[in-house]
Amino acid sequence: MAGIAVNYAEILHIGQATLAGYGIYVSWISITNLRQYEEKSEKAAKWSNEAARQLHTTRTTQAAGMVAAVLNLGASLFLATSWHLIPRKYRILASPAMLLVTLLARGYMYNFWTEKAKVPMVDGYNEAIDKTKYLIVTLQYLEYSWVLTSLVAGVLGYRRNDWS
């Protein structure tokens, strides 16, 4: 293997980008399915404070999940392809920072969506619940991957002699 440098951090970041892309996909499906019930939900929110609160939290949790997935995609692609453009200390801090972002978004979504029950004969809403739960699990796997890339980048660096 003379002359071939294996960059484990880059490989991990490419895997993260793939996982984040899947997260964006399931988030999009969930948001699209929930939009089918937007008008009815807004009418209910005019008459009920609880309905208004539920609608607001539904929107903010879905937005948090999508934003977290997009940030994961952007950060992982940048770190996989352009890591050499930023100073070493910021490269090392990028993975823990993304871990924190992902952890906060997933926790916020988890606290709201785990108690949601499926509604009989409302297929779009039920699919949105399923896809949101897939997104929560995807964000959890992204958390694990940011822990791993933190360790790899911190111990091995992004290339041979990165610490010299």
N, C-alpha and C. Protein backbone atom coordinates (compact mmCIF):
# COMPACT_ATOMS: atom_id res chain seq x y z
N MET A 1 0.82 -1.20 0.00
CA MET A 1 0.00 0.00 0.00
C MET A 1 0.86 1.25 0.00
N ALA A 2 2.04 1.15 -0.50
CA ALA A 2 2.92 2.31 -0.54
C ALA A 2 2.31 3.39 -1.45
N GLY A 3 2.28 4.60 -0.95
CA GLY A 3 1.78 5.71 -1.73
C GLY A 3 0.28 5.94 -1.65
N ILE A 4 -0.45 5.02 -1.03
CA ILE A 4 -1.90 5.19 -0.90
C ILE A 4 -2.21 5.54 0.54
N ALA A 5 -2.76 6.71 0.74
CA ALA A 5 -3.12 7.14 2.09
C ALA A 5 -4.61 6.89 2.30
N VAL A 6 -4.94 6.13 3.31
CA VAL A 6 -6.33 5.87 3.63
C VAL A 6 -6.79 6.92 4.62
N ASN A 7 -7.81 7.63 4.27
CA ASN A 7 -8.33 8.66 5.15
C ASN A 7 -9.66 8.15 5.71
N TYR A 8 -9.58 7.60 6.91
CA TYR A 8 -10.76 7.00 7.53
C TYR A 8 -11.84 8.04 7.80
N ALA A 9 -11.45 9.24 8.18
CA ALA A 9 -12.43 10.28 8.47
C ALA A 9 -13.24 10.61 7.21
N GLU A 10 -12.57 10.72 6.07
CA GLU A 10 -13.29 11.01 4.82
C GLU A 10 -14.30 9.91 4.50
N ILE A 11 -13.89 8.67 4.67
CA ILE A 11 -14.78 7.54 4.39
C ILE A 11 -16.00 7.60 5.30
N LEU A 12 -15.78 7.88 6.57
CA LEU A 12 -16.89 7.99 7.52
C LEU A 12 -17.82 9.14 7.15
N HIS A 13 -17.25 10.27 6.73
CA HIS A 13 -18.08 11.42 6.36
C HIS A 13 -18.93 11.12 5.12
N ILE A 14 -18.41 10.35 4.20
CA ILE A 14 -19.20 9.96 3.03
C ILE A 14 -20.38 9.09 3.47
N GLY A 15 -20.13 8.19 4.40
CA GLY A 15 -21.22 7.38 4.96
C GLY A 15 -22.26 8.24 5.66
N GLN A 16 -21.78 9.26 6.39
CA GLN A 16 -22.71 10.18 7.06
C GLN A 16 -23.56 10.93 6.04
N ALA A 17 -22.94 11.35 4.95
CA ALA A 17 -23.69 12.08 3.92
C ALA A 17 -24.79 11.21 3.33
N THR A 18 -24.49 9.93 3.13
CA THR A 18 -25.49 9.00 2.62
C THR A 18 -26.65 8.86 3.61
N LEU A 19 -26.32 8.70 4.87
CA LEU A 19 -27.33 8.57 5.91
C LEU A 19 -28.16 9.85 6.03
N ALA A 20 -27.51 11.00 5.96
CA ALA A 20 -28.22 12.27 6.03
C ALA A 20 -29.14 12.45 4.82
N GLY A 21 -28.69 12.00 3.65
CA GLY A 21 -29.55 12.05 2.46
C GLY A 21 -30.82 11.24 2.65
N TYR A 22 -30.69 10.07 3.25
CA TYR A 22 -31.86 9.25 3.57
C TYR A 22 -32.76 9.99 4.57
N GLY A 23 -32.14 10.65 5.55
CA GLY A 23 -32.91 11.43 6.53
C GLY A 23 -33.71 12.54 5.87
N ILE A 24 -33.11 13.21 4.91
CA ILE A 24 -33.82 14.26 4.17
C ILE A 24 -35.00 13.66 3.40
N TYR A 25 -34.77 12.51 2.80
CA TYR A 25 -35.83 11.83 2.04
C TYR A 25 -37.03 11.48 2.92
N VAL A 26 -36.80 10.84 4.07
CA VAL A 26 -37.93 10.46 4.92
C VAL A 26 -38.58 11.69 5.56
N SER A 27 -37.78 12.71 5.84
CA SER A 27 -38.34 13.94 6.38
C SER A 27 -39.26 14.60 5.35
N TRP A 28 -38.84 14.62 4.11
CA TRP A 28 -39.66 15.21 3.04
C TRP A 28 -40.99 14.47 2.91
N ILE A 29 -40.95 13.15 2.94
CA ILE A 29 -42.19 12.36 2.85
C ILE A 29 -43.10 12.68 4.03
N SER A 30 -42.53 12.74 5.21
CA SER A 30 -43.32 13.03 6.41
C SER A 30 -43.98 14.40 6.32
N ILE A 31 -43.19 15.40 5.95
CA ILE A 31 -43.73 16.77 5.84
C ILE A 31 -44.81 16.83 4.77
N THR A 32 -44.58 16.18 3.64
CA THR A 32 -45.57 16.16 2.56
C THR A 32 -46.88 15.52 3.02
N ASN A 33 -46.78 14.42 3.74
CA ASN A 33 -47.99 13.76 4.24
C ASN A 33 -48.72 14.62 5.27
N LEU A 34 -47.98 15.29 6.12
CA LEU A 34 -48.62 16.15 7.13
C LEU A 34 -49.29 17.37 6.49
N ARG A 35 -48.74 17.83 5.38
CA ARG A 35 -49.33 19.00 4.71
C ARG A 35 -50.75 18.72 4.21
N GLN A 36 -51.08 17.45 4.00
CA GLN A 36 -52.44 17.09 3.57
C GLN A 36 -53.48 17.50 4.61
N TYR A 37 -53.06 17.57 5.86
CA TYR A 37 -53.99 17.85 6.97
C TYR A 37 -53.81 19.26 7.53
N GLU A 38 -53.04 20.08 6.83
CA GLU A 38 -52.71 21.43 7.29
C GLU A 38 -53.96 22.30 7.44
N GLU A 39 -54.81 22.30 6.44
CA GLU A 39 -55.99 23.17 6.47
C GLU A 39 -56.93 22.80 7.61
N LYS A 40 -57.19 21.51 7.77
CA LYS A 40 -58.05 21.06 8.87
C LYS A 40 -57.43 21.38 10.22
N SER A 41 -56.12 21.22 10.31
CA SER A 41 -55.43 21.50 11.58
C SER A 41 -55.49 22.98 11.92
N GLU A 42 -55.36 23.84 10.91
CA GLU A 42 -55.44 25.28 11.16
C GLU A 42 -56.84 25.69 11.61
N LYS A 43 -57.87 25.07 11.03
CA LYS A 43 -59.24 25.36 11.47
C LYS A 43 -59.44 24.94 12.92
N ALA A 44 -58.93 23.77 13.27
CA ALA A 44 -59.05 23.29 14.65
C ALA A 44 -58.27 24.19 15.60
N ALA A 45 -57.13 24.71 15.14
CA ALA A 45 -56.30 25.56 15.99
C ALA A 45 -56.98 26.88 16.32
N LYS A 46 -57.90 27.33 15.48
CA LYS A 46 -58.64 28.56 15.76
C LYS A 46 -59.58 28.40 16.95
N TRP A 47 -60.02 27.18 17.19
CA TRP A 47 -61.00 26.92 18.24
C TRP A 47 -60.41 26.29 19.49
N SER A 48 -59.20 25.81 19.41
CA SER A 48 -58.62 25.09 20.54
C SER A 48 -57.16 25.47 20.74
N ASN A 49 -56.85 25.89 21.96
CA ASN A 49 -55.46 26.22 22.28
C ASN A 49 -54.57 24.99 22.20
N GLU A 50 -55.09 23.85 22.62
CA GLU A 50 -54.31 22.61 22.55
C GLU A 50 -54.03 22.23 21.10
N ALA A 51 -55.01 22.38 20.23
CA ALA A 51 -54.81 22.09 18.81
C ALA A 51 -53.77 23.04 18.21
N ALA A 52 -53.83 24.30 18.63
CA ALA A 52 -52.85 25.27 18.15
C ALA A 52 -51.44 24.91 18.61
N ARG A 53 -51.33 24.48 19.87
CA ARG A 53 -50.02 24.08 20.41
C ARG A 53 -49.49 22.84 19.68
N GLN A 54 -50.37 21.87 19.45
CA GLN A 54 -49.97 20.65 18.74
C GLN A 54 -49.52 20.96 17.31
N LEU A 55 -50.25 21.84 16.65
CA LEU A 55 -49.90 22.22 15.28
C LEU A 55 -48.54 22.91 15.25
N HIS A 56 -48.34 23.84 16.19
CA HIS A 56 -47.06 24.55 16.25
C HIS A 56 -45.90 23.59 16.52
N THR A 57 -46.08 22.69 17.47
CA THR A 57 -45.02 21.75 17.81
C THR A 57 -44.78 20.76 16.68
N THR A 58 -45.83 20.35 15.99
CA THR A 58 -45.66 19.48 14.83
C THR A 58 -44.79 20.16 13.79
N ARG A 59 -45.09 21.41 13.51
CA ARG A 59 -44.31 22.15 12.51
C ARG A 59 -42.86 22.34 12.94
N THR A 60 -42.66 22.72 14.20
CA THR A 60 -41.28 22.99 14.64
C THR A 60 -40.45 21.72 14.75
N THR A 61 -41.06 20.61 15.16
CA THR A 61 -40.28 19.37 15.23
C THR A 61 -39.92 18.88 13.83
N GLN A 62 -40.86 19.00 12.89
CA GLN A 62 -40.55 18.59 11.52
C GLN A 62 -39.46 19.48 10.92
N ALA A 63 -39.54 20.77 11.20
CA ALA A 63 -38.51 21.68 10.70
C ALA A 63 -37.15 21.36 11.33
N ALA A 64 -37.15 21.08 12.62
CA ALA A 64 -35.89 20.75 13.31
C ALA A 64 -35.26 19.50 12.71
N GLY A 65 -36.07 18.51 12.41
CA GLY A 65 -35.55 17.28 11.81
C GLY A 65 -34.98 17.52 10.42
N MET A 66 -35.69 18.28 9.61
CA MET A 66 -35.20 18.57 8.25
C MET A 66 -33.93 19.40 8.30
N VAL A 67 -33.91 20.42 9.15
CA VAL A 67 -32.72 21.27 9.26
C VAL A 67 -31.53 20.45 9.75
N ALA A 68 -31.75 19.59 10.73
CA ALA A 68 -30.66 18.75 11.23
C ALA A 68 -30.13 17.83 10.14
N ALA A 69 -31.03 17.24 9.35
CA ALA A 69 -30.59 16.35 8.27
C ALA A 69 -29.82 17.12 7.20
N VAL A 70 -30.29 18.31 6.85
CA VAL A 70 -29.59 19.13 5.84
C VAL A 70 -28.22 19.56 6.37
N LEU A 71 -28.16 19.99 7.63
CA LEU A 71 -26.87 20.37 8.21
C LEU A 71 -25.91 19.18 8.27
N ASN A 72 -26.43 18.01 8.60
CA ASN A 72 -25.60 16.81 8.60
C ASN A 72 -25.06 16.52 7.20
N LEU A 73 -25.90 16.65 6.20
CA LEU A 73 -25.46 16.42 4.83
C LEU A 73 -24.37 17.42 4.44
N GLY A 74 -24.64 18.70 4.69
CA GLY A 74 -23.67 19.73 4.32
C GLY A 74 -22.35 19.59 5.04
N ALA A 75 -22.41 19.38 6.35
CA ALA A 75 -21.17 19.26 7.13
C ALA A 75 -20.38 18.03 6.73
N SER A 76 -21.06 16.91 6.56
CA SER A 76 -20.34 15.68 6.22
C SER A 76 -19.73 15.76 4.82
N LEU A 77 -20.44 16.34 3.86
CA LEU A 77 -19.87 16.50 2.52
C LEU A 77 -18.69 17.46 2.54
N PHE A 78 -18.82 18.55 3.28
CA PHE A 78 -17.71 19.50 3.37
C PHE A 78 -16.49 18.85 4.01
N LEU A 79 -16.71 18.13 5.10
CA LEU A 79 -15.58 17.49 5.78
C LEU A 79 -14.99 16.34 4.96
N ALA A 80 -15.78 15.72 4.12
CA ALA A 80 -15.27 14.64 3.27
C ALA A 80 -14.46 15.17 2.10
N THR A 81 -14.81 16.35 1.61
CA THR A 81 -14.18 16.83 0.37
C THR A 81 -13.28 18.05 0.56
N SER A 82 -13.58 18.89 1.51
CA SER A 82 -12.86 20.17 1.63
C SER A 82 -12.27 20.40 3.00
N TRP A 83 -12.00 19.32 3.73
CA TRP A 83 -11.49 19.44 5.09
C TRP A 83 -10.20 20.24 5.15
N HIS A 84 -9.41 20.21 4.09
CA HIS A 84 -8.11 20.88 4.07
C HIS A 84 -8.24 22.41 4.03
N LEU A 85 -9.44 22.92 3.80
CA LEU A 85 -9.65 24.37 3.71
C LEU A 85 -9.82 25.04 5.08
N ILE A 86 -10.03 24.26 6.12
CA ILE A 86 -10.22 24.86 7.44
C ILE A 86 -9.09 24.43 8.37
N PRO A 87 -8.74 25.28 9.33
CA PRO A 87 -7.66 24.95 10.27
C PRO A 87 -7.97 23.68 11.06
N ARG A 88 -6.93 23.00 11.48
CA ARG A 88 -7.05 21.72 12.18
C ARG A 88 -7.95 21.79 13.40
N LYS A 89 -7.84 22.84 14.22
CA LYS A 89 -8.66 22.90 15.44
C LYS A 89 -10.15 22.96 15.12
N TYR A 90 -10.51 23.61 14.01
CA TYR A 90 -11.92 23.67 13.64
C TYR A 90 -12.40 22.34 13.04
N ARG A 91 -11.51 21.65 12.34
CA ARG A 91 -11.86 20.31 11.84
C ARG A 91 -12.16 19.38 13.00
N ILE A 92 -11.34 19.47 14.04
CA ILE A 92 -11.51 18.60 15.20
C ILE A 92 -12.80 18.94 15.94
N LEU A 93 -13.18 20.21 15.97
CA LEU A 93 -14.39 20.64 16.68
C LEU A 93 -15.67 20.43 15.86
N ALA A 94 -15.54 20.22 14.57
CA ALA A 94 -16.73 20.10 13.72
C ALA A 94 -17.58 18.89 14.09
N SER A 95 -16.96 17.75 14.32
CA SER A 95 -17.73 16.54 14.63
C SER A 95 -18.47 16.66 15.97
N PRO A 96 -17.81 17.12 17.04
CA PRO A 96 -18.58 17.30 18.29
C PRO A 96 -19.70 18.34 18.16
N ALA A 97 -19.46 19.38 17.37
CA ALA A 97 -20.51 20.40 17.18
C ALA A 97 -21.71 19.79 16.45
N MET A 98 -21.45 18.99 15.43
CA MET A 98 -22.55 18.34 14.71
C MET A 98 -23.24 17.30 15.57
N LEU A 99 -22.49 16.65 16.43
CA LEU A 99 -23.10 15.71 17.38
C LEU A 99 -24.11 16.46 18.25
N LEU A 100 -23.73 17.62 18.75
CA LEU A 100 -24.62 18.41 19.61
C LEU A 100 -25.87 18.86 18.85
N VAL A 101 -25.69 19.35 17.64
CA VAL A 101 -26.84 19.79 16.82
C VAL A 101 -27.80 18.62 16.60
N THR A 102 -27.25 17.48 16.23
CA THR A 102 -28.08 16.31 15.93
C THR A 102 -28.77 15.79 17.18
N LEU A 103 -28.05 15.80 18.29
CA LEU A 103 -28.61 15.34 19.56
C LEU A 103 -29.79 16.21 19.98
N LEU A 104 -29.64 17.52 19.87
CA LEU A 104 -30.72 18.44 20.26
C LEU A 104 -31.95 18.27 19.36
N ALA A 105 -31.74 18.17 18.07
CA ALA A 105 -32.87 18.01 17.14
C ALA A 105 -33.58 16.68 17.39
N ARG A 106 -32.81 15.62 17.53
CA ARG A 106 -33.44 14.31 17.73
C ARG A 106 -34.18 14.26 19.06
N GLY A 107 -33.60 14.82 20.10
CA GLY A 107 -34.27 14.84 21.40
C GLY A 107 -35.58 15.61 21.35
N TYR A 108 -35.57 16.74 20.68
CA TYR A 108 -36.78 17.56 20.54
C TYR A 108 -37.86 16.78 19.79
N MET A 109 -37.48 16.13 18.70
CA MET A 109 -38.45 15.34 17.93
C MET A 109 -38.94 14.14 18.74
N TYR A 110 -38.03 13.45 19.38
CA TYR A 110 -38.37 12.24 20.13
C TYR A 110 -39.39 12.55 21.22
N ASN A 111 -39.17 13.64 21.95
CA ASN A 111 -40.07 13.99 23.06
C ASN A 111 -41.50 14.26 22.59
N PHE A 112 -41.66 14.72 21.38
CA PHE A 112 -43.00 15.01 20.88
C PHE A 112 -43.63 13.82 20.15
N TRP A 113 -42.85 13.14 19.31
CA TRP A 113 -43.43 12.14 18.41
C TRP A 113 -43.57 10.75 18.99
N THR A 114 -42.88 10.41 20.05
CA THR A 114 -42.98 9.04 20.57
C THR A 114 -44.34 8.76 21.19
N GLU A 115 -45.02 9.79 21.63
CA GLU A 115 -46.33 9.58 22.25
C GLU A 115 -47.48 9.68 21.25
N LYS A 116 -47.17 9.90 19.99
CA LYS A 116 -48.23 10.03 18.97
C LYS A 116 -48.75 8.65 18.59
N ALA A 117 -50.05 8.53 18.68
CA ALA A 117 -50.70 7.27 18.29
C ALA A 117 -51.21 7.39 16.86
N LYS A 118 -51.25 6.28 16.19
CA LYS A 118 -51.80 6.27 14.84
C LYS A 118 -53.32 6.39 14.91
N VAL A 119 -53.87 7.02 13.88
CA VAL A 119 -55.31 7.25 13.81
C VAL A 119 -55.89 6.33 12.74
N PRO A 120 -56.91 5.54 13.09
CA PRO A 120 -57.50 4.63 12.10
C PRO A 120 -58.04 5.39 10.89
N MET A 121 -57.80 4.86 9.72
CA MET A 121 -58.31 5.36 8.45
C MET A 121 -57.77 6.74 8.07
N VAL A 122 -56.62 7.11 8.61
CA VAL A 122 -55.96 8.36 8.22
C VAL A 122 -54.55 7.97 7.79
N ASP A 123 -54.46 7.36 6.61
CA ASP A 123 -53.22 6.75 6.15
C ASP A 123 -52.06 7.73 6.02
N GLY A 124 -52.30 8.91 5.47
CA GLY A 124 -51.23 9.88 5.29
C GLY A 124 -50.62 10.31 6.61
N TYR A 125 -51.46 10.53 7.61
CA TYR A 125 -50.97 10.92 8.93
C TYR A 125 -50.18 9.78 9.57
N ASN A 126 -50.69 8.57 9.43
CA ASN A 126 -50.00 7.41 10.00
C ASN A 126 -48.64 7.19 9.33
N GLU A 127 -48.59 7.39 8.02
CA GLU A 127 -47.31 7.26 7.32
C GLU A 127 -46.34 8.35 7.78
N ALA A 128 -46.87 9.55 8.02
CA ALA A 128 -46.02 10.64 8.51
C ALA A 128 -45.43 10.29 9.87
N ILE A 129 -46.22 9.67 10.73
CA ILE A 129 -45.70 9.23 12.04
C ILE A 129 -44.59 8.21 11.84
N ASP A 130 -44.81 7.24 10.96
CA ASP A 130 -43.78 6.22 10.69
C ASP A 130 -42.50 6.85 10.16
N LYS A 131 -42.63 7.73 9.18
CA LYS A 131 -41.44 8.35 8.58
C LYS A 131 -40.73 9.25 9.58
N THR A 132 -41.48 9.91 10.44
CA THR A 132 -40.85 10.74 11.47
C THR A 132 -40.05 9.86 12.43
N LYS A 133 -40.60 8.72 12.77
CA LYS A 133 -39.86 7.80 13.64
C LYS A 133 -38.62 7.25 12.94
N TYR A 134 -38.70 7.02 11.62
CA TYR A 134 -37.51 6.62 10.86
C TYR A 134 -36.46 7.73 10.90
N LEU A 135 -36.91 8.98 10.79
CA LEU A 135 -35.98 10.10 10.85
C LEU A 135 -35.32 10.18 12.21
N ILE A 136 -36.08 9.96 13.27
CA ILE A 136 -35.51 9.99 14.62
C ILE A 136 -34.42 8.92 14.76
N VAL A 137 -34.68 7.73 14.24
CA VAL A 137 -33.67 6.66 14.28
C VAL A 137 -32.47 7.02 13.41
N THR A 138 -32.72 7.61 12.25
CA THR A 138 -31.63 8.03 11.37
C THR A 138 -30.76 9.07 12.06
N LEU A 139 -31.37 10.02 12.73
CA LEU A 139 -30.60 11.03 13.47
C LEU A 139 -29.80 10.38 14.59
N GLN A 140 -30.36 9.35 15.20
CA GLN A 140 -29.63 8.63 16.25
C GLN A 140 -28.38 7.96 15.66
N TYR A 141 -28.51 7.33 14.51
CA TYR A 141 -27.34 6.74 13.86
C TYR A 141 -26.32 7.81 13.46
N LEU A 142 -26.81 8.97 13.05
CA LEU A 142 -25.89 10.07 12.74
C LEU A 142 -25.15 10.52 14.00
N GLU A 143 -25.83 10.51 15.14
CA GLU A 143 -25.15 10.83 16.40
C GLU A 143 -23.99 9.86 16.64
N TYR A 144 -24.27 8.57 16.49
CA TYR A 144 -23.21 7.57 16.67
C TYR A 144 -22.05 7.83 15.71
N SER A 145 -22.39 8.19 14.48
CA SER A 145 -21.33 8.41 13.49
C SER A 145 -20.50 9.65 13.82
N TRP A 146 -21.13 10.69 14.41
CA TRP A 146 -20.37 11.87 14.79
C TRP A 146 -19.45 11.57 15.98
N VAL A 147 -19.89 10.70 16.86
CA VAL A 147 -18.99 10.26 17.95
C VAL A 147 -17.79 9.55 17.34
N LEU A 148 -18.05 8.66 16.40
CA LEU A 148 -16.97 7.91 15.76
C LEU A 148 -16.02 8.83 15.00
N THR A 149 -16.56 9.77 14.23
CA THR A 149 -15.68 10.67 13.48
C THR A 149 -14.93 11.61 14.42
N SER A 150 -15.52 11.94 15.57
CA SER A 150 -14.79 12.73 16.57
C SER A 150 -13.56 11.97 17.03
N LEU A 151 -13.75 10.69 17.31
CA LEU A 151 -12.62 9.87 17.76
C LEU A 151 -11.58 9.69 16.66
N VAL A 152 -12.03 9.37 15.47
CA VAL A 152 -11.10 9.14 14.36
C VAL A 152 -10.34 10.42 14.03
N ALA A 153 -11.04 11.53 13.90
CA ALA A 153 -10.38 12.79 13.58
C ALA A 153 -9.46 13.23 14.71
N GLY A 154 -9.87 12.98 15.94
CA GLY A 154 -9.04 13.37 17.08
C GLY A 154 -7.81 12.51 17.25
N VAL A 155 -7.93 11.22 16.98
CA VAL A 155 -6.81 10.29 17.18
C VAL A 155 -5.94 10.19 15.93
N LEU A 156 -6.55 9.98 14.78
CA LEU A 156 -5.79 9.76 13.55
C LEU A 156 -5.60 11.02 12.71
N GLY A 157 -6.46 11.99 12.89
CA GLY A 157 -6.40 13.18 12.04
C GLY A 157 -7.04 12.88 10.69
N TYR A 158 -6.91 13.83 9.77
CA TYR A 158 -7.50 13.67 8.44
C TYR A 158 -6.50 13.16 7.41
N ARG A 159 -5.25 13.14 7.75
CA ARG A 159 -4.24 12.58 6.84
C ARG A 159 -3.00 12.23 7.65
N ARG A 160 -2.11 11.54 7.02
CA ARG A 160 -0.86 11.18 7.67
C ARG A 160 -0.11 12.46 8.06
N ASN A 161 0.44 12.46 9.23
CA ASN A 161 1.19 13.60 9.78
C ASN A 161 0.32 14.84 9.98
N ASP A 162 -0.96 14.64 10.22
CA ASP A 162 -1.87 15.76 10.44
C ASP A 162 -1.53 16.51 11.72
N TRP A 163 -0.90 15.84 12.65
CA TRP A 163 -0.61 16.45 13.94
C TRP A 163 0.77 17.08 14.00
N SER A 164 1.53 17.02 12.95
CA SER A 164 2.88 17.59 13.01
C SER A 164 2.91 19.06 12.68
